[in-house]
Each structure stands twice: as C-alpha cells, then as structure tokens.
Amino acid sequence: MNEKELMDKLARELPLTAAEEAWLDSHLAEQTTSPVGALPQEEPSLAWRSELNERLLALQPKPKRRPWFLVGGLASGAAAAALAWAMLAPTTKVMGPAGSIEADMVASHELLVQQASAGLLVDDGAQPVNQDVLEWMENPDDSL
C-alpha cells in the first residue's frame, strides 16, 4: 500500500478498505503521541510570580487605622449625651393624695436650680409677665 495512493483516496473521499483504515489509524496514533512525548518534562519556574506578588504588595497602600482620639472622642460624646439626657429627661409626677402644690413647687424649683448650676437650664417657653398689667390690677384707685 502506497501512502500517496492512500492520500489520493482520502482527498477524493473514496471508501477505504479495512487494511487501509488500520494502517491510517496506527500512523495517526504514532504521530499524536510523538509530539507530546517530545515536550520537555521540566516544570515551569514560579519565581516570576513570587517577584510579581512582592512588587504588588509593595505598591498596595497600607490600611489606615483610625486615630485613637477619634474613637475616644466618640465615646466621650456618647457619654455626655447620655448624661445630659438623664438630667434633662422630663419626669412626670402624678399628684397623689399625699402630695401638695407647695411641695411640687419646691421640687420644681430645686430641679431648676440643679439644672442651672450644671449649665443645662432649658427654656420651657414661658413668657414673662407684663408688669404694667400687674400694676393695673393691683391699683385700687382704678375702678370701672
């Protein structure tokens, strides 16, 4: 069997005999294993990758840490806010049978004095009384 005749049959797409197919299969198997076997068996070096990783680590910015005074400042601010809320939180008193108006007035006055001494006095929106009106009401000479 001639290789040239076999190639001509393949080019014209003619049917092959069993012997020709066996010969073609054996030669194809030899050719596919020989180039793979001819490759070098050494493993590639990964030194270049290690060097690249080192360079990338050098270029990467270092993570920034928050300053300690920022964290401490936030904690101090939260503590001050909690203290101010505790001092200024409105408390409701239910006047029971044992309570009196005078006792409530004294307690309110003492609370306002404590808040004023701490610098936490809150304006409740009360308007000052017009003194002219009080003088007019107290003047006995004025009559209708």
N, C-alpha and C. Protein backbone atom coordinates (compact mmCIF):
# COMPACT_ATOMS: atom_id res chain seq x y z
N MET A 1 0.85 -1.16 0.00
CA MET A 1 0.00 0.00 0.00
C MET A 1 0.90 1.23 0.00
N ASN A 2 0.60 2.11 -0.88
CA ASN A 2 1.38 3.30 -1.08
C ASN A 2 0.70 4.47 -0.34
N GLU A 3 1.51 5.30 0.31
CA GLU A 3 0.95 6.43 1.06
C GLU A 3 0.33 7.45 0.12
N LYS A 4 0.94 7.60 -1.03
CA LYS A 4 0.42 8.57 -2.00
C LYS A 4 -0.96 8.14 -2.50
N GLU A 5 -1.14 6.86 -2.77
CA GLU A 5 -2.45 6.37 -3.22
C GLU A 5 -3.49 6.55 -2.11
N LEU A 6 -3.08 6.30 -0.89
CA LEU A 6 -4.00 6.46 0.23
C LEU A 6 -4.42 7.93 0.39
N MET A 7 -3.50 8.84 0.23
CA MET A 7 -3.82 10.27 0.34
C MET A 7 -4.74 10.70 -0.79
N ASP A 8 -4.53 10.15 -1.99
CA ASP A 8 -5.43 10.47 -3.10
C ASP A 8 -6.84 9.98 -2.82
N LYS A 9 -6.96 8.77 -2.23
CA LYS A 9 -8.29 8.25 -1.88
C LYS A 9 -8.97 9.15 -0.84
N LEU A 10 -8.19 9.59 0.11
CA LEU A 10 -8.76 10.47 1.15
C LEU A 10 -9.18 11.81 0.57
N ALA A 11 -8.39 12.34 -0.37
CA ALA A 11 -8.71 13.63 -0.98
C ALA A 11 -9.97 13.54 -1.82
N ARG A 12 -10.16 12.41 -2.50
CA ARG A 12 -11.36 12.24 -3.33
C ARG A 12 -12.54 11.68 -2.54
N GLU A 13 -12.31 11.41 -1.26
CA GLU A 13 -13.32 10.89 -0.35
C GLU A 13 -13.87 9.55 -0.81
N LEU A 14 -12.99 8.67 -1.26
CA LEU A 14 -13.35 7.31 -1.66
C LEU A 14 -13.33 6.42 -0.42
N PRO A 15 -14.11 5.34 -0.43
CA PRO A 15 -14.10 4.45 0.74
C PRO A 15 -12.78 3.70 0.86
N LEU A 16 -12.34 3.48 2.11
CA LEU A 16 -11.08 2.78 2.38
C LEU A 16 -11.37 1.33 2.76
N THR A 17 -10.40 0.50 2.51
CA THR A 17 -10.52 -0.90 2.92
C THR A 17 -10.17 -0.99 4.40
N ALA A 18 -10.44 -2.12 4.99
CA ALA A 18 -10.17 -2.32 6.42
C ALA A 18 -8.68 -2.24 6.70
N ALA A 19 -7.86 -2.78 5.80
CA ALA A 19 -6.40 -2.75 5.98
C ALA A 19 -5.90 -1.30 5.91
N GLU A 20 -6.45 -0.52 4.97
CA GLU A 20 -6.03 0.89 4.85
C GLU A 20 -6.44 1.70 6.08
N GLU A 21 -7.64 1.44 6.59
CA GLU A 21 -8.09 2.14 7.80
C GLU A 21 -7.22 1.80 8.99
N ALA A 22 -6.84 0.52 9.12
CA ALA A 22 -5.99 0.10 10.24
C ALA A 22 -4.62 0.75 10.13
N TRP A 23 -4.06 0.77 8.93
CA TRP A 23 -2.75 1.39 8.75
C TRP A 23 -2.81 2.89 9.06
N LEU A 24 -3.87 3.57 8.59
CA LEU A 24 -4.03 5.01 8.83
C LEU A 24 -4.20 5.29 10.33
N ASP A 25 -4.98 4.45 11.02
CA ASP A 25 -5.18 4.64 12.46
C ASP A 25 -3.88 4.47 13.23
N SER A 26 -3.07 3.49 12.85
CA SER A 26 -1.82 3.26 13.58
C SER A 26 -0.84 4.42 13.37
N HIS A 27 -0.77 4.93 12.14
CA HIS A 27 0.12 6.06 11.88
C HIS A 27 -0.37 7.33 12.58
N LEU A 28 -1.66 7.54 12.62
CA LEU A 28 -2.18 8.72 13.32
C LEU A 28 -1.91 8.63 14.82
N ALA A 29 -2.03 7.45 15.39
CA ALA A 29 -1.77 7.27 16.82
C ALA A 29 -0.30 7.52 17.13
N GLU A 30 0.59 7.09 16.27
CA GLU A 30 2.02 7.32 16.48
C GLU A 30 2.35 8.82 16.40
N GLN A 31 1.74 9.50 15.48
CA GLN A 31 2.03 10.93 15.30
C GLN A 31 1.50 11.77 16.46
N THR A 32 0.35 11.40 17.02
CA THR A 32 -0.20 12.20 18.12
C THR A 32 0.57 12.00 19.40
N THR A 33 1.12 10.83 19.64
CA THR A 33 1.88 10.63 20.88
C THR A 33 3.30 11.14 20.77
N SER A 34 3.87 11.13 19.61
CA SER A 34 5.26 11.55 19.49
C SER A 34 5.47 13.05 19.76
N PRO A 35 4.64 13.98 19.28
CA PRO A 35 4.88 15.39 19.63
C PRO A 35 4.69 15.67 21.12
N VAL A 36 3.75 14.98 21.73
CA VAL A 36 3.55 15.21 23.16
C VAL A 36 4.73 14.66 23.94
N GLY A 37 5.21 13.51 23.54
CA GLY A 37 6.35 12.92 24.24
C GLY A 37 7.62 13.72 24.03
N ALA A 38 7.69 14.50 22.97
CA ALA A 38 8.89 15.28 22.68
C ALA A 38 8.99 16.54 23.53
N LEU A 39 7.92 16.91 24.21
CA LEU A 39 7.96 18.12 25.03
C LEU A 39 8.85 17.89 26.25
N PRO A 40 9.50 18.94 26.72
CA PRO A 40 10.35 18.78 27.92
C PRO A 40 9.48 18.51 29.15
N GLN A 41 9.99 17.71 30.06
CA GLN A 41 9.25 17.30 31.24
C GLN A 41 9.50 18.22 32.45
N GLU A 42 10.21 19.28 32.29
CA GLU A 42 10.50 20.15 33.43
C GLU A 42 9.30 21.03 33.76
N GLU A 43 9.14 21.35 35.02
CA GLU A 43 8.04 22.21 35.47
C GLU A 43 8.47 23.66 35.35
N PRO A 44 7.53 24.53 34.99
CA PRO A 44 7.92 25.94 34.85
C PRO A 44 8.25 26.55 36.22
N SER A 45 9.14 27.48 36.21
CA SER A 45 9.54 28.15 37.44
C SER A 45 8.49 29.19 37.82
N LEU A 46 8.17 29.25 39.09
CA LEU A 46 7.20 30.22 39.58
C LEU A 46 7.88 31.39 40.29
N ALA A 47 9.14 31.56 40.06
CA ALA A 47 9.88 32.66 40.70
C ALA A 47 9.34 34.01 40.21
N TRP A 48 9.00 34.10 38.95
CA TRP A 48 8.48 35.37 38.41
C TRP A 48 7.19 35.76 39.10
N ARG A 49 6.37 34.75 39.43
CA ARG A 49 5.10 35.05 40.10
C ARG A 49 5.34 35.55 41.53
N SER A 50 6.31 34.97 42.19
CA SER A 50 6.65 35.40 43.54
C SER A 50 7.16 36.85 43.52
N GLU A 51 8.00 37.16 42.56
CA GLU A 51 8.50 38.53 42.43
C GLU A 51 7.36 39.52 42.14
N LEU A 52 6.44 39.10 41.30
CA LEU A 52 5.30 39.95 40.98
C LEU A 52 4.46 40.20 42.23
N ASN A 53 4.22 39.18 43.02
CA ASN A 53 3.45 39.35 44.25
C ASN A 53 4.14 40.30 45.22
N GLU A 54 5.46 40.20 45.33
CA GLU A 54 6.21 41.10 46.21
C GLU A 54 6.09 42.55 45.74
N ARG A 55 6.17 42.76 44.43
CA ARG A 55 6.05 44.12 43.90
C ARG A 55 4.65 44.67 44.11
N LEU A 56 3.63 43.82 43.93
CA LEU A 56 2.26 44.27 44.15
C LEU A 56 2.01 44.61 45.62
N LEU A 57 2.57 43.83 46.53
CA LEU A 57 2.43 44.14 47.96
C LEU A 57 3.11 45.46 48.31
N ALA A 58 4.24 45.74 47.66
CA ALA A 58 4.94 47.00 47.92
C ALA A 58 4.13 48.18 47.41
N LEU A 59 3.42 48.00 46.30
CA LEU A 59 2.63 49.10 45.72
C LEU A 59 1.29 49.29 46.43
N GLN A 60 0.80 48.27 47.10
CA GLN A 60 -0.51 48.35 47.74
C GLN A 60 -0.46 49.29 48.94
N PRO A 61 -1.45 50.20 49.06
CA PRO A 61 -1.42 51.12 50.20
C PRO A 61 -1.73 50.37 51.49
N LYS A 62 -1.09 50.81 52.55
CA LYS A 62 -1.30 50.18 53.84
C LYS A 62 -2.66 50.62 54.40
N PRO A 63 -3.36 49.72 55.09
CA PRO A 63 -4.67 50.10 55.64
C PRO A 63 -4.51 51.18 56.71
N LYS A 64 -5.38 52.16 56.66
CA LYS A 64 -5.30 53.26 57.61
C LYS A 64 -6.06 52.89 58.88
N ARG A 65 -5.45 53.18 60.01
CA ARG A 65 -6.11 52.94 61.29
C ARG A 65 -6.73 54.25 61.76
N ARG A 66 -7.85 54.12 62.40
CA ARG A 66 -8.48 55.32 62.92
C ARG A 66 -7.68 55.83 64.12
N PRO A 67 -7.55 57.12 64.21
CA PRO A 67 -6.81 57.67 65.35
C PRO A 67 -7.53 57.32 66.66
N TRP A 68 -6.74 57.09 67.70
CA TRP A 68 -7.32 56.70 68.98
C TRP A 68 -8.18 57.81 69.56
N PHE A 69 -7.83 59.07 69.29
CA PHE A 69 -8.61 60.16 69.86
C PHE A 69 -9.99 60.27 69.21
N LEU A 70 -10.12 59.80 67.98
CA LEU A 70 -11.44 59.82 67.33
C LEU A 70 -12.38 58.84 68.01
N VAL A 71 -11.88 57.66 68.29
CA VAL A 71 -12.70 56.65 68.98
C VAL A 71 -13.02 57.12 70.39
N GLY A 72 -12.03 57.66 71.09
CA GLY A 72 -12.25 58.18 72.44
C GLY A 72 -13.20 59.37 72.43
N GLY A 73 -13.10 60.20 71.42
CA GLY A 73 -13.99 61.35 71.32
C GLY A 73 -15.44 60.94 71.10
N LEU A 74 -15.62 59.92 70.27
CA LEU A 74 -16.98 59.43 70.05
C LEU A 74 -17.56 58.84 71.32
N ALA A 75 -16.75 58.11 72.06
CA ALA A 75 -17.22 57.52 73.31
C ALA A 75 -17.54 58.60 74.33
N SER A 76 -16.69 59.63 74.42
CA SER A 76 -16.94 60.72 75.35
C SER A 76 -18.20 61.50 74.98
N GLY A 77 -18.39 61.71 73.70
CA GLY A 77 -19.60 62.41 73.25
C GLY A 77 -20.85 61.63 73.57
N ALA A 78 -20.80 60.33 73.38
CA ALA A 78 -21.96 59.50 73.70
C ALA A 78 -22.25 59.52 75.20
N ALA A 79 -21.19 59.49 76.01
CA ALA A 79 -21.39 59.53 77.47
C ALA A 79 -21.97 60.88 77.89
N ALA A 80 -21.50 61.97 77.30
CA ALA A 80 -22.04 63.29 77.64
C ALA A 80 -23.50 63.41 77.22
N ALA A 81 -23.84 62.87 76.05
CA ALA A 81 -25.23 62.92 75.61
C ALA A 81 -26.12 62.11 76.54
N ALA A 82 -25.65 60.95 76.98
CA ALA A 82 -26.44 60.13 77.90
C ALA A 82 -26.63 60.83 79.23
N LEU A 83 -25.60 61.50 79.73
CA LEU A 83 -25.70 62.23 80.99
C LEU A 83 -26.66 63.41 80.86
N ALA A 84 -26.57 64.15 79.77
CA ALA A 84 -27.49 65.28 79.58
C ALA A 84 -28.93 64.79 79.46
N TRP A 85 -29.14 63.70 78.77
CA TRP A 85 -30.49 63.15 78.63
C TRP A 85 -31.04 62.71 79.98
N ALA A 86 -30.18 62.10 80.80
CA ALA A 86 -30.64 61.65 82.12
C ALA A 86 -31.01 62.83 83.00
N MET A 87 -30.28 63.94 82.86
CA MET A 87 -30.57 65.09 83.72
C MET A 87 -31.77 65.89 83.21
N LEU A 88 -31.93 65.91 81.89
CA LEU A 88 -32.99 66.75 81.33
C LEU A 88 -34.24 65.98 80.94
N ALA A 89 -34.24 64.69 81.13
CA ALA A 89 -35.40 63.90 80.74
C ALA A 89 -36.62 64.35 81.54
N PRO A 90 -37.71 64.64 80.88
CA PRO A 90 -38.89 65.09 81.62
C PRO A 90 -39.44 63.95 82.48
N THR A 91 -39.67 64.30 83.70
CA THR A 91 -40.26 63.31 84.60
C THR A 91 -41.68 63.77 84.91
N THR A 92 -42.57 62.87 84.89
CA THR A 92 -43.96 63.20 85.19
C THR A 92 -44.28 62.71 86.58
N LYS A 93 -44.84 63.58 87.33
CA LYS A 93 -45.25 63.22 88.68
C LYS A 93 -46.76 63.21 88.72
N VAL A 94 -47.26 62.16 89.28
CA VAL A 94 -48.70 62.09 89.49
C VAL A 94 -48.95 62.56 90.90
N MET A 95 -49.76 63.57 91.00
CA MET A 95 -50.02 64.15 92.32
C MET A 95 -51.04 63.29 93.04
N GLY A 96 -50.55 62.63 94.04
CA GLY A 96 -51.43 61.76 94.82
C GLY A 96 -52.07 62.51 95.97
N PRO A 97 -52.77 61.81 96.79
CA PRO A 97 -53.44 62.46 97.92
C PRO A 97 -52.46 63.02 98.93
N ALA A 98 -51.23 62.44 99.00
CA ALA A 98 -50.27 62.94 99.99
C ALA A 98 -49.51 64.14 99.46
N GLY A 99 -49.50 64.38 98.15
CA GLY A 99 -48.74 65.48 97.57
C GLY A 99 -49.48 66.80 97.74
N SER A 100 -48.72 67.87 97.68
CA SER A 100 -49.34 69.18 97.78
C SER A 100 -48.73 70.08 96.71
N ILE A 101 -49.41 71.13 96.42
CA ILE A 101 -48.93 72.06 95.40
C ILE A 101 -47.63 72.70 95.84
N GLU A 102 -47.54 73.03 97.12
CA GLU A 102 -46.33 73.67 97.63
C GLU A 102 -45.12 72.75 97.49
N ALA A 103 -45.31 71.47 97.81
CA ALA A 103 -44.19 70.51 97.71
C ALA A 103 -43.76 70.36 96.25
N ASP A 104 -44.72 70.34 95.35
CA ASP A 104 -44.38 70.23 93.93
C ASP A 104 -43.65 71.48 93.44
N MET A 105 -44.04 72.64 93.93
CA MET A 105 -43.37 73.88 93.53
C MET A 105 -41.93 73.91 94.05
N VAL A 106 -41.74 73.46 95.29
CA VAL A 106 -40.38 73.42 95.85
C VAL A 106 -39.53 72.42 95.07
N ALA A 107 -40.08 71.25 94.74
CA ALA A 107 -39.33 70.24 93.98
C ALA A 107 -38.98 70.77 92.59
N SER A 108 -39.90 71.45 91.95
CA SER A 108 -39.64 72.03 90.64
C SER A 108 -38.55 73.08 90.72
N HIS A 109 -38.61 73.91 91.76
CA HIS A 109 -37.60 74.95 91.94
C HIS A 109 -36.22 74.31 92.16
N GLU A 110 -36.15 73.28 92.99
CA GLU A 110 -34.87 72.62 93.25
C GLU A 110 -34.31 71.98 91.97
N LEU A 111 -35.19 71.40 91.16
CA LEU A 111 -34.74 70.81 89.90
C LEU A 111 -34.18 71.88 88.97
N LEU A 112 -34.85 73.01 88.88
CA LEU A 112 -34.36 74.10 88.03
C LEU A 112 -33.04 74.65 88.55
N VAL A 113 -32.87 74.73 89.86
CA VAL A 113 -31.60 75.21 90.43
C VAL A 113 -30.48 74.23 90.09
N GLN A 114 -30.75 72.93 90.18
CA GLN A 114 -29.73 71.93 89.83
C GLN A 114 -29.35 72.03 88.36
N GLN A 115 -30.34 72.20 87.50
CA GLN A 115 -30.05 72.31 86.07
C GLN A 115 -29.29 73.58 85.76
N ALA A 116 -29.66 74.68 86.42
CA ALA A 116 -28.97 75.95 86.17
C ALA A 116 -27.53 75.88 86.66
N SER A 117 -27.29 75.21 87.79
CA SER A 117 -25.92 75.11 88.30
C SER A 117 -25.06 74.24 87.40
N ALA A 118 -25.66 73.29 86.69
CA ALA A 118 -24.91 72.45 85.76
C ALA A 118 -24.81 73.09 84.37
N GLY A 119 -25.45 74.23 84.19
CA GLY A 119 -25.42 74.89 82.88
C GLY A 119 -26.35 74.22 81.89
N LEU A 120 -27.34 73.50 82.35
CA LEU A 120 -28.23 72.75 81.47
C LEU A 120 -29.65 73.26 81.54
N LEU A 121 -29.82 74.51 81.91
CA LEU A 121 -31.16 75.07 82.05
C LEU A 121 -31.85 75.11 80.69
N VAL A 122 -33.03 74.59 80.64
CA VAL A 122 -33.78 74.51 79.39
C VAL A 122 -34.90 75.55 79.45
N ASP A 123 -35.02 76.30 78.35
CA ASP A 123 -36.09 77.28 78.27
C ASP A 123 -37.39 76.55 77.99
N ASP A 124 -38.36 76.70 78.88
CA ASP A 124 -39.64 76.00 78.69
C ASP A 124 -40.63 76.80 77.86
N GLY A 125 -40.24 77.94 77.39
CA GLY A 125 -41.10 78.72 76.51
C GLY A 125 -42.05 79.66 77.25
N ALA A 126 -41.93 79.76 78.54
CA ALA A 126 -42.83 80.65 79.30
C ALA A 126 -42.47 82.10 79.02
N GLN A 127 -43.48 82.92 78.83
CA GLN A 127 -43.29 84.33 78.55
C GLN A 127 -43.31 85.12 79.86
N PRO A 128 -42.47 86.14 79.99
CA PRO A 128 -42.50 86.94 81.21
C PRO A 128 -43.82 87.73 81.30
N VAL A 129 -44.22 87.93 82.50
CA VAL A 129 -45.49 88.63 82.72
C VAL A 129 -45.27 90.13 82.55
N ASN A 130 -46.19 90.78 81.87
CA ASN A 130 -46.12 92.21 81.66
C ASN A 130 -46.40 92.91 83.00
N GLN A 131 -45.44 93.68 83.47
CA GLN A 131 -45.57 94.34 84.77
C GLN A 131 -46.65 95.41 84.77
N ASP A 132 -46.92 96.03 83.63
CA ASP A 132 -47.97 97.05 83.56
C ASP A 132 -49.33 96.45 83.87
N VAL A 133 -49.54 95.24 83.42
CA VAL A 133 -50.81 94.59 83.68
C VAL A 133 -50.96 94.30 85.16
N LEU A 134 -49.86 93.85 85.79
CA LEU A 134 -49.94 93.57 87.23
C LEU A 134 -50.19 94.85 88.02
N GLU A 135 -49.53 95.93 87.65
CA GLU A 135 -49.73 97.19 88.36
C GLU A 135 -51.16 97.70 88.18
N TRP A 136 -51.72 97.53 87.04
CA TRP A 136 -53.08 97.98 86.80
C TRP A 136 -54.06 97.18 87.65
N MET A 137 -53.81 95.87 87.77
CA MET A 137 -54.71 95.04 88.54
C MET A 137 -54.61 95.32 90.03
N GLU A 138 -53.43 95.74 90.49
CA GLU A 138 -53.23 95.98 91.91
C GLU A 138 -53.62 97.40 92.31
N ASN A 139 -53.83 98.24 91.40
CA ASN A 139 -54.16 99.63 91.73
C ASN A 139 -55.62 99.72 92.17
N PRO A 140 -55.88 100.02 93.44
CA PRO A 140 -57.27 100.09 93.92
C PRO A 140 -58.00 101.35 93.46
N ASP A 141 -57.27 102.32 93.02
CA ASP A 141 -57.92 103.58 92.62
C ASP A 141 -58.66 103.42 91.30
N ASP A 142 -58.20 102.50 90.52
CA ASP A 142 -58.87 102.29 89.24
C ASP A 142 -60.10 101.45 89.47
N SER A 143 -61.18 101.96 89.03
CA SER A 143 -62.41 101.18 89.15
C SER A 143 -63.23 101.36 87.88
N LEU A 144 -64.07 100.43 87.67
CA LEU A 144 -64.89 100.50 86.47
C LEU A 144 -66.09 101.30 86.71
